[in-house]
Amino acid sequence: MIINSEREPDYSLYYLGSILLEILENTDVMPIEELLSKTKEQLNREIHIDFLYYALDWLYLLSLVGIREGKVYYDNKEINSTQNKAF
């Protein structure tokens, strides 16, 4: 769920996505297990790996993260609306 009023905000894709980008912005690549561990550490709570996968899927669709050699990386591209071929 992108936003769900019945669930804690820590589980929203917006919030988790921001945490993941913040973690990935300071590293080149990171295994998913380490990313999960650092996310739990930053949130100071346990989260199920499914929430991490949902957030990574969302960030991937936005072209903000990618996978290289089984590790996640932050794809910091400068994209503007004129580059979007859908419009």
C-alpha atoms as a PDB file:
ATOM      1  CA  MET A   1       0.000   0.000   0.000  1.00  0.00           C
ATOM      2  CA  ILE A   2       1.315   3.400  -0.896  1.00  0.00           C
ATOM      3  CA  ILE A   3      -0.684   5.051   1.891  1.00  0.00           C
ATOM      4  CA  ASN A   4      -2.890   3.145   4.287  1.00  0.00           C
ATOM      5  CA  SER A   5      -4.629   5.043   7.072  1.00  0.00           C
ATOM      6  CA  GLU A   6      -5.223   1.838   9.041  1.00  0.00           C
ATOM      7  CA  ARG A   7      -1.522   0.975   9.272  1.00  0.00           C
ATOM      8  CA  GLU A   8       1.382   2.736  10.914  1.00  0.00           C
ATOM      9  CA  PRO A   9       3.082   5.321   8.676  1.00  0.00           C
ATOM     10  CA  ASP A  10       6.395   3.450   9.028  1.00  0.00           C
ATOM     11  CA  TYR A  11       4.994   0.844   6.637  1.00  0.00           C
ATOM     12  CA  SER A  12       3.982   3.261   3.867  1.00  0.00           C
ATOM     13  CA  LEU A  13       5.896   3.022   0.606  1.00  0.00           C
ATOM     14  CA  TYR A  14       6.672   6.729   0.732  1.00  0.00           C
ATOM     15  CA  TYR A  15       8.314   6.499   4.130  1.00  0.00           C
ATOM     16  CA  LEU A  16      10.121   3.208   3.538  1.00  0.00           C
ATOM     17  CA  GLY A  17      11.236   4.434   0.122  1.00  0.00           C
ATOM     18  CA  SER A  18      12.782   7.527   1.680  1.00  0.00           C
ATOM     19  CA  ILE A  19      14.604   5.400   4.260  1.00  0.00           C
ATOM     20  CA  LEU A  20      15.931   3.064   1.557  1.00  0.00           C
ATOM     21  CA  LEU A  21      17.114   5.936  -0.641  1.00  0.00           C
ATOM     22  CA  GLU A  22      18.821   7.557   2.317  1.00  0.00           C
ATOM     23  CA  ILE A  23      20.683   4.328   3.100  1.00  0.00           C
ATOM     24  CA  LEU A  24      21.570   3.594  -0.527  1.00  0.00           C
ATOM     25  CA  GLU A  25      22.668   7.141  -1.286  1.00  0.00           C
ATOM     26  CA  ASN A  26      25.747   6.653   0.901  1.00  0.00           C
ATOM     27  CA  THR A  27      26.863   3.336  -0.642  1.00  0.00           C
ATOM     28  CA  ASP A  28      27.626   2.034  -4.123  1.00  0.00           C
ATOM     29  CA  VAL A  29      25.802  -1.301  -3.859  1.00  0.00           C
ATOM     30  CA  MET A  30      24.309  -3.290  -0.994  1.00  0.00           C
ATOM     31  CA  PRO A  31      22.948  -6.827  -0.596  1.00  0.00           C
ATOM     32  CA  ILE A  32      19.240  -6.984   0.223  1.00  0.00           C
ATOM     33  CA  GLU A  33      19.930  -8.687   3.572  1.00  0.00           C
ATOM     34  CA  GLU A  34      22.181  -5.824   4.650  1.00  0.00           C
ATOM     35  CA  LEU A  35      19.658  -3.279   3.380  1.00  0.00           C
ATOM     36  CA  LEU A  36      16.941  -4.954   5.469  1.00  0.00           C
ATOM     37  CA  SER A  37      19.190  -4.922   8.518  1.00  0.00           C
ATOM     38  CA  LYS A  38      20.051  -1.228   8.118  1.00  0.00           C
ATOM     39  CA  THR A  39      16.386  -0.371   7.534  1.00  0.00           C
ATOM     40  CA  LYS A  40      15.363  -2.152  10.738  1.00  0.00           C
ATOM     41  CA  GLU A  41      18.169  -0.349  12.557  1.00  0.00           C
ATOM     42  CA  GLN A  42      17.084   3.052  11.262  1.00  0.00           C
ATOM     43  CA  LEU A  43      13.404   2.406  12.022  1.00  0.00           C
ATOM     44  CA  ASN A  44      14.326   0.910  15.392  1.00  0.00           C
ATOM     45  CA  ARG A  45      11.742  -1.836  14.859  1.00  0.00           C
ATOM     46  CA  GLU A  46      11.199  -5.126  13.071  1.00  0.00           C
ATOM     47  CA  ILE A  47       9.678  -5.081   9.599  1.00  0.00           C
ATOM     48  CA  HIS A  48       8.812  -7.993   7.366  1.00  0.00           C
ATOM     49  CA  ILE A  49      10.948  -8.360   4.262  1.00  0.00           C
ATOM     50  CA  ASP A  50       7.801  -8.106   2.119  1.00  0.00           C
ATOM     51  CA  PHE A  51       7.569  -4.404   2.998  1.00  0.00           C
ATOM     52  CA  LEU A  52      11.158  -3.959   1.833  1.00  0.00           C
ATOM     53  CA  TYR A  53      10.357  -5.718  -1.449  1.00  0.00           C
ATOM     54  CA  TYR A  54       7.240  -3.575  -1.991  1.00  0.00           C
ATOM     55  CA  ALA A  55       9.247  -0.396  -1.422  1.00  0.00           C
ATOM     56  CA  LEU A  56      12.057  -1.604  -3.701  1.00  0.00           C
ATOM     57  CA  ASP A  57       9.531  -2.486  -6.419  1.00  0.00           C
ATOM     58  CA  TRP A  58       8.048   0.989  -6.160  1.00  0.00           C
ATOM     59  CA  LEU A  59      11.489   2.644  -6.309  1.00  0.00           C
ATOM     60  CA  TYR A  60      12.433   0.445  -9.263  1.00  0.00           C
ATOM     61  CA  LEU A  61       9.306   1.510 -11.158  1.00  0.00           C
ATOM     62  CA  LEU A  62      10.316   5.118 -10.501  1.00  0.00           C
ATOM     63  CA  SER A  63      13.806   4.319 -11.915  1.00  0.00           C
ATOM     64  CA  LEU A  64      15.464   5.238  -8.625  1.00  0.00           C
ATOM     65  CA  VAL A  65      17.053   1.887  -7.779  1.00  0.00           C
ATOM     66  CA  GLY A  66      18.470  -0.992  -9.760  1.00  0.00           C
ATOM     67  CA  ILE A  67      20.047  -4.378  -9.215  1.00  0.00           C
ATOM     68  CA  ARG A  68      23.583  -5.248 -10.216  1.00  0.00           C
ATOM     69  CA  GLU A  69      25.144  -8.630  -9.458  1.00  0.00           C
ATOM     70  CA  GLY A  70      22.407  -9.447  -6.936  1.00  0.00           C
ATOM     71  CA  LYS A  71      22.859  -6.193  -5.036  1.00  0.00           C
ATOM     72  CA  VAL A  72      20.715  -3.069  -4.862  1.00  0.00           C
ATOM     73  CA  TYR A  73      22.057   0.320  -5.884  1.00  0.00           C
ATOM     74  CA  TYR A  74      20.719   3.859  -5.962  1.00  0.00           C
ATOM     75  CA  ASP A  75      20.372   5.011  -9.564  1.00  0.00           C
ATOM     76  CA  ASN A  76      20.739   8.752  -9.126  1.00  0.00           C
ATOM     77  CA  LYS A  77      19.721   9.964 -12.576  1.00  0.00           C
ATOM     78  CA  GLU A  78      18.604  13.457 -13.362  1.00  0.00           C
ATOM     79  CA  ILE A  79      15.247  12.989 -15.099  1.00  0.00           C
ATOM     80  CA  ASN A  80      12.848  15.695 -16.168  1.00  0.00           C
ATOM     81  CA  SER A  81       9.319  15.454 -17.502  1.00  0.00           C
ATOM     82  CA  THR A  82      10.376  15.976 -21.141  1.00  0.00           C
ATOM     83  CA  GLN A  83      12.268  12.677 -21.040  1.00  0.00           C
ATOM     84  CA  ASN A  84       9.094  10.720 -20.210  1.00  0.00           C
ATOM     85  CA  LYS A  85       8.051   9.011 -23.443  1.00  0.00           C
ATOM     86  CA  ALA A  86       4.566   8.158 -22.104  1.00  0.00           C
ATOM     87  CA  PHE A  87       3.322  11.743 -22.603  1.00  0.00           C
END
